[in-house]
C-alpha atoms as a PDB file:
ATOM      1  CA  UNK A   1      25.623-141.606  60.564  1.00  0.00           C
ATOM      2  CA  UNK A   2      23.243-138.711  59.543  1.00  0.00           C
ATOM      3  CA  UNK A   3      23.346-135.010  60.436  1.00  0.00           C
ATOM      4  CA  UNK A   4      21.500-135.648  63.690  1.00  0.00           C
ATOM      5  CA  UNK A   5      24.556-137.489  65.066  1.00  0.00           C
ATOM      6  CA  UNK A   6      26.392-134.143  64.900  1.00  0.00           C
ATOM      7  CA  UNK A   7      23.982-132.411  67.361  1.00  0.00           C
ATOM      8  CA  UNK A   8      25.363-132.303  70.822  1.00  0.00           C
ATOM      9  CA  UNK A   9      23.308-132.616  73.935  1.00  0.00           C
ATOM     10  CA  UNK A  10      23.844-128.967  74.721  1.00  0.00           C
ATOM     11  CA  UNK A  11      22.664-127.946  71.293  1.00  0.00           C
ATOM     12  CA  UNK A  12      19.564-130.052  71.716  1.00  0.00           C
ATOM     13  CA  UNK A  13      18.780-128.492  75.095  1.00  0.00           C
ATOM     14  CA  UNK A  14      19.293-125.063  73.586  1.00  0.00           C
ATOM     15  CA  UNK A  15      16.946-125.840  70.701  1.00  0.00           C
ATOM     16  CA  UNK A  16      14.325-127.168  73.101  1.00  0.00           C
ATOM     17  CA  UNK A  17      14.657-124.042  75.218  1.00  0.00           C
ATOM     18  CA  UNK A  18      14.250-121.841  72.114  1.00  0.00           C
ATOM     19  CA  UNK A  19      11.173-123.798  71.025  1.00  0.00           C
ATOM     20  CA  UNK A  20       9.717-123.441  74.502  1.00  0.00           C
ATOM     21  CA  UNK A  21      10.414-119.705  74.427  1.00  0.00           C
ATOM     22  CA  UNK A  22       8.821-119.386  70.997  1.00  0.00           C
ATOM     23  CA  UNK A  23       5.804-121.337  72.242  1.00  0.00           C
ATOM     24  CA  UNK A  24       5.470-118.980  75.206  1.00  0.00           C
ATOM     25  CA  UNK A  25       5.742-115.965  72.883  1.00  0.00           C
ATOM     26  CA  UNK A  26       3.148-117.435  70.538  1.00  0.00           C
ATOM     27  CA  UNK A  27       0.851-118.115  73.475  1.00  0.00           C
ATOM     28  CA  UNK A  28       1.386-114.559  74.758  1.00  0.00           C
ATOM     29  CA  UNK A  29       0.559-113.130  71.365  1.00  0.00           C
ATOM     30  CA  UNK A  30      -2.557-115.274  71.086  1.00  0.00           C
ATOM     31  CA  UNK A  31      -3.648-114.103  74.519  1.00  0.00           C
ATOM     32  CA  UNK A  32      -3.018-110.499  73.492  1.00  0.00           C
ATOM     33  CA  UNK A  33      -4.969-111.046  70.268  1.00  0.00           C
ATOM     34  CA  UNK A  34      -7.802-112.601  72.256  1.00  0.00           C
ATOM     35  CA  UNK A  35      -7.733-109.672  74.695  1.00  0.00           C
ATOM     36  CA  UNK A  36      -7.884-107.230  71.803  1.00  0.00           C
ATOM     37  CA  UNK A  37     -10.741-109.159  70.202  1.00  0.00           C
ATOM     38  CA  UNK A  38     -12.629-109.043  73.484  1.00  0.00           C
ATOM     39  CA  UNK A  39     -11.923-105.313  73.790  1.00  0.00           C
ATOM     40  CA  UNK A  40     -13.083-104.799  70.205  1.00  0.00           C
ATOM     41  CA  UNK A  41     -16.242-106.779  70.927  1.00  0.00           C
ATOM     42  CA  UNK A  42     -16.848-104.669  74.044  1.00  0.00           C
ATOM     43  CA  UNK A  43     -16.411-101.452  72.054  1.00  0.00           C
ATOM     44  CA  UNK A  44     -18.789-102.736  69.383  1.00  0.00           C
ATOM     45  CA  UNK A  45     -21.399-103.541  72.037  1.00  0.00           C
ATOM     46  CA  UNK A  46     -20.923-100.093  73.568  1.00  0.00           C
ATOM     47  CA  UNK A  47     -21.276 -98.447  70.154  1.00  0.00           C
ATOM     48  CA  UNK A  48     -24.423-100.423  69.454  1.00  0.00           C
ATOM     49  CA  UNK A  49     -25.829 -99.486  72.847  1.00  0.00           C
ATOM     50  CA  UNK A  50     -24.817 -95.881  72.280  1.00  0.00           C
ATOM     51  CA  UNK A  51     -26.483 -95.988  68.863  1.00  0.00           C
ATOM     52  CA  UNK A  52     -29.680 -97.382  70.380  1.00  0.00           C
ATOM     53  CA  UNK A  53     -29.588 -94.678  73.062  1.00  0.00           C
ATOM     54  CA  UNK A  54     -29.008 -92.004  70.420  1.00  0.00           C
ATOM     55  CA  UNK A  55     -31.888 -93.353  68.354  1.00  0.00           C
ATOM     56  CA  UNK A  56     -34.102 -93.420  71.458  1.00  0.00           C
ATOM     57  CA  UNK A  57     -33.198 -89.826  72.250  1.00  0.00           C
ATOM     58  CA  UNK A  58     -33.817 -88.794  68.638  1.00  0.00           C
ATOM     59  CA  UNK A  59     -37.220 -90.475  68.721  1.00  0.00           C
ATOM     60  CA  UNK A  60     -38.010 -88.738  72.000  1.00  0.00           C
ATOM     61  CA  UNK A  61     -36.873 -85.408  70.556  1.00  0.00           C
ATOM     62  CA  UNK A  62     -38.995 -85.993  67.455  1.00  0.00           C
ATOM     63  CA  UNK A  63     -41.996 -86.865  69.649  1.00  0.00           C
ATOM     64  CA  UNK A  64     -41.527 -83.687  71.678  1.00  0.00           C
ATOM     65  CA  UNK A  65     -41.170 -81.601  68.508  1.00  0.00           C
ATOM     66  CA  UNK A  66     -44.360 -83.107  67.100  1.00  0.00           C
ATOM     67  CA  UNK A  67     -46.146 -82.402  70.362  1.00  0.00           C
ATOM     68  CA  UNK A  68     -44.819 -78.831  70.328  1.00  0.00           C
ATOM     69  CA  UNK A  69     -45.956 -78.390  66.714  1.00  0.00           C
ATOM     70  CA  UNK A  70     -49.385 -79.737  67.633  1.00  0.00           C
ATOM     71  CA  UNK A  71     -49.698 -77.324  70.550  1.00  0.00           C
ATOM     72  CA  UNK A  72     -48.486 -74.399  68.426  1.00  0.00           C
ATOM     73  CA  UNK A  73     -50.978 -75.332  65.704  1.00  0.00           C
ATOM     74  CA  UNK A  74     -53.787 -75.501  68.266  1.00  0.00           C
ATOM     75  CA  UNK A  75     -52.728 -72.153  69.715  1.00  0.00           C
ATOM     76  CA  UNK A  76     -52.575 -70.545  66.262  1.00  0.00           C
ATOM     77  CA  UNK A  77     -56.039 -71.865  65.406  1.00  0.00           C
ATOM     78  CA  UNK A  78     -57.321 -70.543  68.716  1.00  0.00           C
ATOM     79  CA  UNK A  79     -55.751 -67.150  68.028  1.00  0.00           C
ATOM     80  CA  UNK A  80     -57.212 -67.160  64.513  1.00  0.00           C
ATOM     81  CA  UNK A  81     -60.665 -67.840  65.964  1.00  0.00           C
ATOM     82  CA  UNK A  82     -60.203 -65.106  68.551  1.00  0.00           C
ATOM     83  CA  UNK A  83     -58.950 -62.652  65.932  1.00  0.00           C
ATOM     84  CA  UNK A  84     -61.825 -63.604  63.660  1.00  0.00           C
ATOM     85  CA  UNK A  85     -64.304 -63.042  66.467  1.00  0.00           C
ATOM     86  CA  UNK A  86     -62.626 -59.744  67.327  1.00  0.00           C
ATOM     87  CA  UNK A  87     -62.689 -58.715  63.672  1.00  0.00           C
ATOM     88  CA  UNK A  88     -66.369 -59.595  63.454  1.00  0.00           C
ATOM     89  CA  UNK A  89     -67.136 -57.590  66.590  1.00  0.00           C
ATOM     90  CA  UNK A  90     -65.164 -54.628  65.278  1.00  0.00           C
ATOM     91  CA  UNK A  91     -66.888 -54.948  61.924  1.00  0.00           C
ATOM     92  CA  UNK A  92     -70.253 -54.911  63.673  1.00  0.00           C
ATOM     93  CA  UNK A  93     -69.120 -51.876  65.659  1.00  0.00           C
ATOM     94  CA  UNK A  94     -68.208 -50.072  62.426  1.00  0.00           C
ATOM     95  CA  UNK A  95     -71.516 -51.118  60.890  1.00  0.00           C
ATOM     96  CA  UNK A  96     -73.443 -49.797  63.898  1.00  0.00           C
ATOM     97  CA  UNK A  97     -71.392 -46.598  63.758  1.00  0.00           C
ATOM     98  CA  UNK A  98     -71.886 -46.027  60.019  1.00  0.00           C
ATOM     99  CA  UNK A  99     -75.540 -47.038  59.673  1.00  0.00           C
ATOM    100  CA  UNK A 100     -77.058 -43.900  61.243  1.00  0.00           C
ATOM    101  CA  UNK A 101     -74.896 -41.673  59.031  1.00  0.00           C
ATOM    102  CA  UNK A 102     -75.069 -43.245  55.581  1.00  0.00           C
ATOM    103  CA  UNK A 103     -78.395 -41.770  54.467  1.00  0.00           C
ATOM    104  CA  UNK A 104     -77.248 -38.265  55.393  1.00  0.00           C
ATOM    105  CA  UNK A 105     -73.788 -38.730  53.844  1.00  0.00           C
ATOM    106  CA  UNK A 106     -75.063 -40.044  50.513  1.00  0.00           C
ATOM    107  CA  UNK A 107     -77.794 -37.441  50.339  1.00  0.00           C
ATOM    108  CA  UNK A 108     -75.024 -34.848  50.747  1.00  0.00           C
ATOM    109  CA  UNK A 109     -73.327 -36.531  47.760  1.00  0.00           C
ATOM    110  CA  UNK A 110     -76.460 -35.970  45.685  1.00  0.00           C
ATOM    111  CA  UNK A 111     -77.862 -39.502  45.918  1.00  0.00           C
ATOM    112  CA  UNK A 112     -81.429 -39.345  47.326  1.00  0.00           C
ATOM    113  CA  UNK A 113     -81.388 -42.576  49.311  1.00  0.00           C
ATOM    114  CA  UNK A 114     -83.658 -42.958  52.323  1.00  0.00           C
ATOM    115  CA  UNK A 115     -83.592 -46.589  53.509  1.00  0.00           C
ATOM    116  CA  UNK A 116     -80.858 -48.732  55.047  1.00  0.00           C
ATOM    117  CA  UNK A 117     -80.910 -52.545  55.313  1.00  0.00           C
ATOM    118  CA  UNK A 118     -78.204 -54.007  57.581  1.00  0.00           C
ATOM    119  CA  UNK A 119     -76.851 -57.481  56.808  1.00  0.00           C
ATOM    120  CA  UNK A 120     -78.805 -57.843  53.557  1.00  0.00           C
ATOM    121  CA  UNK A 121     -78.558 -61.485  52.502  1.00  0.00           C
ATOM    122  CA  UNK A 122     -79.219 -62.932  49.052  1.00  0.00           C
ATOM    123  CA  UNK A 123     -80.117 -66.637  48.903  1.00  0.00           C
ATOM    124  CA  UNK A 124     -80.415 -69.152  46.107  1.00  0.00           C
ATOM    125  CA  UNK A 125     -83.452 -71.373  45.456  1.00  0.00           C
ATOM    126  CA  UNK A 126     -82.293 -73.848  48.141  1.00  0.00           C
ATOM    127  CA  UNK A 127     -82.076 -71.123  50.765  1.00  0.00           C
ATOM    128  CA  UNK A 128     -78.276 -71.072  50.778  1.00  0.00           C
ATOM    129  CA  UNK A 129     -76.761 -67.617  51.349  1.00  0.00           C
ATOM    130  CA  UNK A 130     -74.812 -66.539  48.263  1.00  0.00           C
ATOM    131  CA  UNK A 131     -73.989 -62.941  49.239  1.00  0.00           C
ATOM    132  CA  UNK A 132     -74.250 -60.659  52.244  1.00  0.00           C
ATOM    133  CA  UNK A 133     -74.027 -56.877  52.166  1.00  0.00           C
ATOM    134  CA  UNK A 134     -73.182 -55.196  55.476  1.00  0.00           C
ATOM    135  CA  UNK A 135     -75.306 -52.138  54.684  1.00  0.00           C
ATOM    136  CA  UNK A 136     -77.568 -51.827  51.659  1.00  0.00           C
ATOM    137  CA  UNK A 137     -78.680 -48.214  51.159  1.00  0.00           C
ATOM    138  CA  UNK A 138     -81.469 -47.775  48.598  1.00  0.00           C
ATOM    139  CA  UNK A 139     -84.287 -45.698  47.189  1.00  0.00           C
ATOM    140  CA  UNK A 140     -86.428 -46.211  44.116  1.00  0.00           C
ATOM    141  CA  UNK A 141     -83.585 -45.717  41.633  1.00  0.00           C
ATOM    142  CA  UNK A 142     -80.299 -46.147  43.492  1.00  0.00           C
ATOM    143  CA  UNK A 143     -78.591 -48.827  45.564  1.00  0.00           C
ATOM    144  CA  UNK A 144     -75.324 -48.460  47.435  1.00  0.00           C
ATOM    145  CA  UNK A 145     -73.633 -51.586  48.813  1.00  0.00           C
ATOM    146  CA  UNK A 146     -71.457 -50.719  51.809  1.00  0.00           C
ATOM    147  CA  UNK A 147     -68.764 -53.052  53.187  1.00  0.00           C
ATOM    148  CA  UNK A 148     -67.686 -52.343  56.793  1.00  0.00           C
ATOM    149  CA  UNK A 149     -64.219 -53.141  58.139  1.00  0.00           C
ATOM    150  CA  UNK A 150     -62.307 -52.272  61.295  1.00  0.00           C
ATOM    151  CA  UNK A 151     -59.248 -51.260  59.224  1.00  0.00           C
ATOM    152  CA  UNK A 152     -59.495 -51.079  55.472  1.00  0.00           C
ATOM    153  CA  UNK A 153     -56.978 -52.834  53.208  1.00  0.00           C
ATOM    154  CA  UNK A 154     -56.552 -53.038  49.447  1.00  0.00           C
ATOM    155  CA  UNK A 155     -57.653 -56.693  49.604  1.00  0.00           C
ATOM    156  CA  UNK A 156     -60.917 -55.557  51.212  1.00  0.00           C
ATOM    157  CA  UNK A 157     -61.396 -53.162  48.312  1.00  0.00           C
ATOM    158  CA  UNK A 158     -60.772 -55.906  45.728  1.00  0.00           C
ATOM    159  CA  UNK A 159     -63.167 -58.293  47.483  1.00  0.00           C
ATOM    160  CA  UNK A 160     -65.917 -55.677  47.551  1.00  0.00           C
ATOM    161  CA  UNK A 161     -65.449 -54.918  43.853  1.00  0.00           C
ATOM    162  CA  UNK A 162     -65.906 -58.620  43.109  1.00  0.00           C
ATOM    163  CA  UNK A 163     -69.029 -58.526  45.295  1.00  0.00           C
ATOM    164  CA  UNK A 164     -70.388 -55.543  43.358  1.00  0.00           C
ATOM    165  CA  UNK A 165     -69.797 -57.325  40.055  1.00  0.00           C
ATOM    166  CA  UNK A 166     -72.073 -60.170  41.202  1.00  0.00           C
ATOM    167  CA  UNK A 167     -74.629 -58.005  42.987  1.00  0.00           C
ATOM    168  CA  UNK A 168     -77.299 -57.879  40.257  1.00  0.00           C
ATOM    169  CA  UNK A 169     -77.241 -61.648  39.757  1.00  0.00           C
ATOM    170  CA  UNK A 170     -77.695 -62.204  43.505  1.00  0.00           C
ATOM    171  CA  UNK A 171     -80.064 -59.348  44.386  1.00  0.00           C
ATOM    172  CA  UNK A 172     -82.335 -59.604  41.371  1.00  0.00           C
ATOM    173  CA  UNK A 173     -84.999 -57.450  43.031  1.00  0.00           C
ATOM    174  CA  UNK A 174     -82.561 -54.514  42.793  1.00  0.00           C
ATOM    175  CA  UNK A 175     -81.252 -55.314  39.314  1.00  0.00           C
ATOM    176  CA  UNK A 176     -82.901 -52.225  37.815  1.00  0.00           C
ATOM    177  CA  UNK A 177     -81.222 -49.777  40.208  1.00  0.00           C
ATOM    178  CA  UNK A 178     -78.126 -47.667  39.628  1.00  0.00           C
ATOM    179  CA  UNK A 179     -75.574 -49.487  41.790  1.00  0.00           C
ATOM    180  CA  UNK A 180     -72.695 -47.767  43.605  1.00  0.00           C
ATOM    181  CA  UNK A 181     -70.214 -49.185  46.081  1.00  0.00           C
ATOM    182  CA  UNK A 182     -68.735 -47.902  49.328  1.00  0.00           C
ATOM    183  CA  UNK A 183     -66.297 -49.103  51.956  1.00  0.00           C
ATOM    184  CA  UNK A 184     -66.408 -47.955  55.574  1.00  0.00           C
ATOM    185  CA  UNK A 185     -63.799 -48.370  58.317  1.00  0.00           C
ATOM    186  CA  UNK A 186     -62.571 -47.115  61.650  1.00  0.00           C
ATOM    187  CA  UNK A 187     -59.281 -46.384  59.946  1.00  0.00           C
ATOM    188  CA  UNK A 188     -57.795 -46.516  56.463  1.00  0.00           C
ATOM    189  CA  UNK A 189     -54.272 -45.692  55.210  1.00  0.00           C
ATOM    190  CA  UNK A 190     -54.164 -42.861  52.695  1.00  0.00           C
ATOM    191  CA  UNK A 191     -52.884 -45.138  49.940  1.00  0.00           C
ATOM    192  CA  UNK A 192     -55.814 -47.526  50.469  1.00  0.00           C
ATOM    193  CA  UNK A 193     -58.273 -44.619  50.437  1.00  0.00           C
ATOM    194  CA  UNK A 194     -56.837 -43.406  47.128  1.00  0.00           C
ATOM    195  CA  UNK A 195     -56.855 -46.962  45.736  1.00  0.00           C
ATOM    196  CA  UNK A 196     -60.527 -47.424  46.628  1.00  0.00           C
ATOM    197  CA  UNK A 197     -61.313 -44.038  45.142  1.00  0.00           C
ATOM    198  CA  UNK A 198     -59.596 -44.972  41.862  1.00  0.00           C
ATOM    199  CA  UNK A 199     -61.825 -48.051  41.719  1.00  0.00           C
ATOM    200  CA  UNK A 200     -64.867 -45.784  41.937  1.00  0.00           C
ATOM    201  CA  UNK A 201     -65.832 -46.493  45.559  1.00  0.00           C
ATOM    202  CA  UNK A 202     -66.989 -44.118  48.230  1.00  0.00           C
ATOM    203  CA  UNK A 203     -64.756 -44.272  51.328  1.00  0.00           C
ATOM    204  CA  UNK A 204     -66.350 -43.607  54.723  1.00  0.00           C
ATOM    205  CA  UNK A 205     -64.046 -43.296  57.741  1.00  0.00           C
ATOM    206  CA  UNK A 206     -64.572 -42.602  61.418  1.00  0.00           C
ATOM    207  CA  UNK A 207     -63.491 -39.141  62.526  1.00  0.00           C
ATOM    208  CA  UNK A 208     -63.821 -38.597  66.268  1.00  0.00           C
ATOM    209  CA  UNK A 209     -67.489 -39.312  67.017  1.00  0.00           C
ATOM    210  CA  UNK A 210     -68.636 -38.888  63.432  1.00  0.00           C
ATOM    211  CA  UNK A 211     -68.271 -40.568  60.053  1.00  0.00           C
ATOM    212  CA  UNK A 212     -66.948 -38.610  57.070  1.00  0.00           C
ATOM    213  CA  UNK A 213     -66.499 -39.156  53.353  1.00  0.00           C
ATOM    214  CA  UNK A 214     -62.773 -39.332  52.555  1.00  0.00           C
ATOM    215  CA  UNK A 215     -63.124 -38.982  48.780  1.00  0.00           C
ATOM    216  CA  UNK A 216     -61.549 -35.952  47.157  1.00  0.00           C
ATOM    217  CA  UNK A 217     -63.769 -33.100  45.904  1.00  0.00           C
ATOM    218  CA  UNK A 218     -65.139 -33.808  42.468  1.00  0.00           C
ATOM    219  CA  UNK A 219     -65.082 -37.579  42.928  1.00  0.00           C
ATOM    220  CA  UNK A 220     -67.352 -39.434  40.492  1.00  0.00           C
ATOM    221  CA  UNK A 221     -68.555 -42.834  41.781  1.00  0.00           C
ATOM    222  CA  UNK A 222     -68.567 -45.787  39.434  1.00  0.00           C
ATOM    223  CA  UNK A 223     -71.902 -47.363  38.555  1.00  0.00           C
ATOM    224  CA  UNK A 224     -71.891 -51.178  38.354  1.00  0.00           C
END
């Protein structure tokens, strides 16, 4: 007989019991694997949900930041308009303050002017304004273009010089006059006063209730 004839009944029962135990262990492991797979799937779903929530919060944060930027931009534009309006009002105040004094001041400087034109505007053939002079002080031979600012800066000086360079082309009726330039302000730092003076400009500054010439003695104005 074959090898199977040598297996006793006890051995067979033992083998069956071992196979049954192995089957139970395999089943237990499969159940544990299934449990772990389910747990993994749950974690994946939670991560996806968390990711969606994070994305939603990021989108909401981005929306709020954009809204904040929009409001800040609106506020800045509003402040710019208000500052511009304030600057214009202060400029008009300086102009009103300087206008009664300019004829006297320039006559004291040896320039026999006698007329003042506020807000002198030059226009092209279509009627478009191409240049405006805050105060234009003239007589038969001289013209002085005065720019009025609340507080004078070096940029204001540079802009007025550029204006003076184009003056004759814009105000052709005064092209034959000796042209000088001046800047007037409620206040001006010393370094800006000296800078304007080096460019050949008169500098007029408020002093208490009066307006004075801040140029140093012996100053020679530039003729454009």
